[in-house]
Amino acid sequence: MRAVAFVGFKKSGKTTTIEAVAGVLKERGYRVAIAKSMHTEFDRENTDTWLFSRAADSVIVRAKDTDALLFRAKDINALFSIVSADFLLLEGFKSVQHVPRVVCARTEEDVMELNDDLAIAVSGVIAGRGINEVGGLPVINATTDAERLADLVEKHSFMLPNIDCGMCGFTCSEMARMIVKGEKTVKDCVVLSSKPKVTVKIDGQVLPMKDWVQELVEKTLKGMLSAMKGYREGKRIEIVIREE
């Protein structure tokens, strides 16, 4: 799954930009997911769902217009792991440093403040003011040139594992910046480019694991299985855990 964050201050055009890019990507046959970061409470206090969420690990809501799953993810990796899509478009998430970003800005000062060396393009309100470039970044109006912005997203989006394993010699945020600059590629991420010895999937999504975790899982499972009647060494061991 590839990802890009659309970051910007309030009323900078993030929603309009994401809507335009998502529409183009969908027309191209991709599966698109959108994640929105909000600074307000999602569920109002003392509503039924609010009460349920305090009594259960997750709450499923069926309404006339949509269905929803309410739960608290332990971290960003856990949150993103539930998504199954070709592209994940993030609205907000300024703290996320392992994906590239499109800066949605009102002014050039906004761009400089939000770039953080992860930006691949600029869009939003500033794009309607006749500005073509800011700090070497192309300024693209998503309302009139959505195809061009979608091209950039399609070509330059990525998502690193965000586990800072150190196997490449860098943190994921450092590697992300080098990829954006063209100094590295996603293939330089050892976790993404190498074939792991142990793979764990949760609902079809691969759970990234450091080498020592893979080794721990392998030795633990083999040690347990070797004591069981009928066990024999094999090149491939498959274990499926279903939560009924």
Protein backbone atom coordinates (compact mmCIF):
# COMPACT_ATOMS: atom_id res chain seq x y z
CA MET A 1 0.00 0.00 0.00
CA ARG A 2 1.24 3.47 -0.91
CA ALA A 3 0.40 6.59 1.05
CA VAL A 4 0.69 10.36 1.02
CA ALA A 5 -0.32 12.90 3.65
CA PHE A 6 -2.13 16.11 2.76
CA VAL A 7 -1.10 18.54 5.48
CA GLY A 8 -2.13 22.13 6.01
CA PHE A 9 -3.61 24.58 8.44
CA LYS A 10 -7.34 25.13 8.84
CA LYS A 11 -9.19 26.29 5.71
CA SER A 12 -6.18 25.60 3.48
CA GLY A 13 -8.00 23.34 1.01
CA LYS A 14 -7.03 19.88 2.27
CA THR A 15 -10.45 18.28 1.88
CA THR A 16 -11.04 19.67 -1.62
CA THR A 17 -7.58 18.53 -2.72
CA ILE A 18 -7.96 15.00 -1.35
CA GLU A 19 -11.43 14.66 -2.85
CA ALA A 20 -10.09 15.59 -6.29
CA VAL A 21 -7.08 13.26 -6.13
CA ALA A 22 -9.14 10.36 -4.77
CA GLY A 23 -11.64 10.77 -7.59
CA VAL A 24 -8.93 10.53 -10.25
CA LEU A 25 -7.26 7.52 -8.63
CA LYS A 26 -10.63 5.76 -8.40
CA GLU A 27 -11.26 6.43 -12.09
CA ARG A 28 -7.91 4.78 -12.80
CA GLY A 29 -9.10 1.61 -11.10
CA TYR A 30 -7.28 1.90 -7.80
CA ARG A 31 -8.71 1.12 -4.38
CA VAL A 32 -8.49 4.31 -2.35
CA ALA A 33 -8.76 4.78 1.40
CA ILE A 34 -8.83 8.12 3.23
CA ALA A 35 -7.85 8.67 6.86
CA LYS A 36 -8.72 11.94 8.59
CA SER A 37 -7.06 13.29 11.71
CA MET A 38 -9.30 15.49 13.83
CA HIS A 39 -8.51 17.61 16.85
CA THR A 40 -12.00 17.21 18.32
CA GLU A 41 -13.77 14.29 19.95
CA PHE A 42 -15.33 11.97 17.37
CA ASP A 43 -17.96 10.49 19.62
CA ARG A 44 -20.03 12.76 21.86
CA GLU A 45 -20.05 12.02 25.58
CA ASN A 46 -22.93 9.95 26.96
CA THR A 47 -24.23 8.84 23.55
CA ASP A 48 -24.92 5.12 23.13
CA THR A 49 -21.77 4.55 21.09
CA TRP A 50 -19.68 6.51 23.62
CA LEU A 51 -20.98 4.29 26.41
CA PHE A 52 -20.48 1.11 24.37
CA SER A 53 -16.88 2.04 23.50
CA ARG A 54 -16.04 2.19 27.18
CA ALA A 55 -17.45 -1.27 27.76
CA ALA A 56 -16.06 -2.99 24.66
CA ASP A 57 -12.87 -3.11 22.60
CA SER A 58 -14.67 -2.04 19.42
CA VAL A 59 -18.14 -0.93 18.40
CA ILE A 60 -19.80 -1.55 15.03
CA VAL A 61 -22.42 0.98 13.96
CA ARG A 62 -24.93 0.46 11.18
CA ALA A 63 -26.76 3.60 10.10
CA LYS A 64 -28.97 4.47 7.15
CA ASP A 65 -26.17 6.23 5.29
CA THR A 66 -23.03 4.33 6.33
CA ASP A 67 -21.43 1.63 8.48
CA ALA A 68 -18.63 2.37 10.94
CA LEU A 69 -16.17 0.57 13.19
CA LEU A 70 -15.23 2.49 16.34
CA PHE A 71 -12.10 1.38 18.20
CA ARG A 72 -8.92 2.77 19.74
CA ALA A 73 -5.75 1.84 17.87
CA LYS A 74 -2.63 1.44 19.99
CA ASP A 75 -0.55 3.45 17.51
CA ILE A 76 -0.39 4.69 13.93
CA ASN A 77 0.90 1.34 12.64
CA ALA A 78 -2.02 -0.48 14.24
CA LEU A 79 -4.46 2.05 12.79
CA PHE A 80 -3.11 1.82 9.26
CA SER A 81 -2.87 -1.99 9.42
CA ILE A 82 -6.67 -2.30 9.19
CA VAL A 83 -6.68 -0.56 5.80
CA SER A 84 -6.72 -2.60 2.60
CA ALA A 85 -6.18 -0.32 -0.38
CA ASP A 86 -3.78 0.62 -3.16
CA PHE A 87 -3.52 4.20 -1.93
CA LEU A 88 -4.04 5.64 1.54
CA LEU A 89 -4.62 9.41 1.52
CA LEU A 90 -4.11 11.04 4.90
CA GLU A 91 -5.79 14.32 5.78
CA GLY A 92 -3.68 15.97 8.45
CA PHE A 93 -1.35 13.64 10.37
CA LYS A 94 1.43 16.27 10.50
CA SER A 95 3.35 14.08 12.95
CA VAL A 96 3.56 11.17 10.49
CA GLN A 97 7.10 11.16 9.11
CA HIS A 98 7.32 7.91 7.12
CA VAL A 99 5.20 8.97 4.12
CA PRO A 100 5.57 11.87 1.66
CA ARG A 101 3.23 14.83 1.82
CA VAL A 102 1.36 17.32 -0.30
CA VAL A 103 1.34 20.69 1.44
CA CYS A 104 -2.02 22.44 1.25
CA ALA A 105 -1.26 26.07 1.94
CA ARG A 106 -2.70 29.55 1.99
CA THR A 107 0.64 31.35 1.76
CA GLU A 108 4.27 30.65 0.87
CA GLU A 109 5.09 30.91 4.58
CA ASP A 110 2.73 28.00 5.23
CA VAL A 111 4.64 25.90 2.71
CA MET A 112 7.99 26.61 4.33
CA GLU A 113 6.62 25.74 7.77
CA LEU A 114 4.93 22.50 6.70
CA ASN A 115 7.35 21.10 4.12
CA ASP A 116 9.70 19.32 6.54
CA ASP A 117 11.61 17.95 3.51
CA LEU A 118 8.82 15.44 2.86
CA ALA A 119 6.75 17.45 0.38
CA ILE A 120 6.34 16.36 -3.23
CA ALA A 121 3.94 19.15 -4.24
CA VAL A 122 1.92 22.14 -3.04
CA SER A 123 -1.82 22.59 -3.49
CA GLY A 124 -4.77 24.16 -1.72
CA VAL A 125 -5.78 27.83 -1.57
CA ILE A 126 -2.39 29.10 -2.72
CA ALA A 127 -2.82 27.28 -6.04
CA GLY A 128 -5.60 29.68 -7.02
CA ARG A 129 -3.35 32.73 -6.73
CA GLY A 130 -1.25 32.30 -9.85
CA ILE A 131 1.79 30.88 -8.04
CA ASN A 132 3.48 28.06 -9.97
CA GLU A 133 6.32 27.10 -7.63
CA VAL A 134 7.35 27.51 -4.00
CA GLY A 135 10.75 26.44 -2.74
CA GLY A 136 11.31 24.23 -5.77
CA LEU A 137 7.97 22.46 -5.32
CA PRO A 138 5.30 22.54 -8.05
CA VAL A 139 2.08 24.30 -7.08
CA ILE A 140 -0.88 22.41 -8.55
CA ASN A 141 -4.51 23.47 -8.45
CA ALA A 142 -6.47 20.32 -7.59
CA THR A 143 -9.76 21.83 -8.75
CA THR A 144 -8.51 22.50 -12.29
CA ASP A 145 -5.58 20.10 -12.70
CA ALA A 146 -6.42 17.07 -10.56
CA GLU A 147 -4.95 14.69 -13.13
CA ARG A 148 -1.50 16.24 -12.77
CA LEU A 149 -1.58 16.08 -8.98
CA ALA A 150 -2.81 12.49 -9.09
CA ASP A 151 0.09 11.67 -11.44
CA LEU A 152 2.54 12.90 -8.80
CA VAL A 153 0.80 10.96 -6.06
CA GLU A 154 0.74 7.84 -8.20
CA LYS A 155 4.45 8.17 -8.98
CA HIS A 156 5.92 9.39 -5.69
CA SER A 157 3.71 8.04 -2.88
CA PHE A 158 5.05 5.36 -0.57
CA MET A 159 4.81 4.17 3.02
CA LEU A 160 7.75 2.86 5.02
CA PRO A 161 7.24 0.32 7.85
CA ASN A 162 7.69 2.95 10.62
CA ILE A 163 9.50 0.53 12.92
CA ASP A 164 12.98 2.13 12.87
CA CYS A 165 14.67 -1.26 12.68
CA GLY A 166 17.99 0.34 11.72
CA MET A 167 18.82 -2.36 9.17
CA CYS A 168 19.24 0.27 6.44
CA GLY A 169 21.33 2.49 8.71
CA PHE A 170 18.64 5.14 9.07
CA THR A 171 15.35 5.78 10.82
CA CYS A 172 12.20 5.53 8.71
CA SER A 173 11.77 9.32 8.76
CA GLU A 174 15.36 9.83 7.58
CA MET A 175 14.88 7.26 4.82
CA ALA A 176 11.58 8.90 3.79
CA ARG A 177 13.30 12.26 3.33
CA MET A 178 16.05 10.69 1.24
CA ILE A 179 13.47 8.95 -0.95
CA VAL A 180 11.63 12.25 -1.49
CA LYS A 181 14.94 13.91 -2.44
CA GLY A 182 15.71 11.10 -4.90
CA GLU A 183 18.79 9.95 -2.96
CA LYS A 184 17.20 6.60 -2.07
CA THR A 185 14.30 4.47 -3.26
CA VAL A 186 11.80 2.26 -1.45
CA LYS A 187 14.00 -0.68 -2.48
CA ASP A 188 16.64 0.65 -0.06
CA CYS A 189 14.29 -0.21 2.82
CA VAL A 190 15.52 -3.63 3.93
CA VAL A 191 12.16 -4.60 5.44
CA LEU A 192 10.19 -3.81 2.27
CA SER A 193 12.73 -5.13 -0.24
CA SER A 194 13.84 -8.34 1.44
CA LYS A 195 11.83 -11.50 1.71
CA PRO A 196 11.20 -11.99 5.43
CA LYS A 197 11.85 -15.39 6.96
CA VAL A 198 8.69 -15.12 9.08
CA THR A 199 5.57 -13.37 7.80
CA VAL A 200 2.57 -12.58 9.95
CA LYS A 201 -0.61 -11.32 8.32
CA ILE A 202 -3.59 -9.84 10.11
CA ASP A 203 -6.68 -9.92 7.90
CA GLY A 204 -4.42 -10.08 4.84
CA GLN A 205 -2.17 -7.18 5.85
CA VAL A 206 1.50 -7.97 6.54
CA LEU A 207 2.67 -7.02 10.04
CA PRO A 208 6.23 -5.60 9.76
CA MET A 209 8.66 -7.33 12.13
CA LYS A 210 12.28 -6.69 12.95
CA ASP A 211 14.78 -9.51 12.42
CA TRP A 212 15.00 -10.34 16.12
CA VAL A 213 11.21 -10.57 16.36
CA GLN A 214 11.11 -12.92 13.37
CA GLU A 215 13.78 -15.06 14.99
CA LEU A 216 11.89 -15.09 18.30
CA VAL A 217 8.64 -16.14 16.61
CA GLU A 218 10.41 -18.83 14.56
CA LYS A 219 12.26 -20.40 17.49
CA THR A 220 9.29 -20.23 19.83
CA LEU A 221 6.92 -21.90 17.38
CA LYS A 222 9.40 -24.56 16.27
CA GLY A 223 10.27 -25.30 19.89
CA MET A 224 6.61 -25.79 20.79
CA LEU A 225 5.79 -27.83 17.69
CA SER A 226 8.83 -30.09 17.96
CA ALA A 227 7.42 -31.55 21.19
CA MET A 228 4.20 -32.57 19.46
CA LYS A 229 3.58 -36.00 17.96
CA GLY A 230 3.54 -35.88 14.18
CA TYR A 231 5.75 -32.81 13.85
CA ARG A 232 8.41 -32.87 11.16
CA GLU A 233 10.79 -30.27 9.81
CA GLY A 234 9.48 -28.44 6.77
CA LYS A 235 10.47 -25.53 4.59
CA ARG A 236 7.17 -23.84 5.24
CA ILE A 237 5.00 -23.86 8.37
CA GLU A 238 1.60 -22.21 8.23
CA ILE A 239 -0.44 -21.28 11.31
CA VAL A 240 -3.79 -19.54 11.00
CA ILE A 241 -5.51 -18.06 14.07
CA ARG A 242 -9.15 -17.15 13.64
CA GLU A 243 -11.05 -15.11 16.15
CA GLU A 244 -14.60 -16.38 15.95
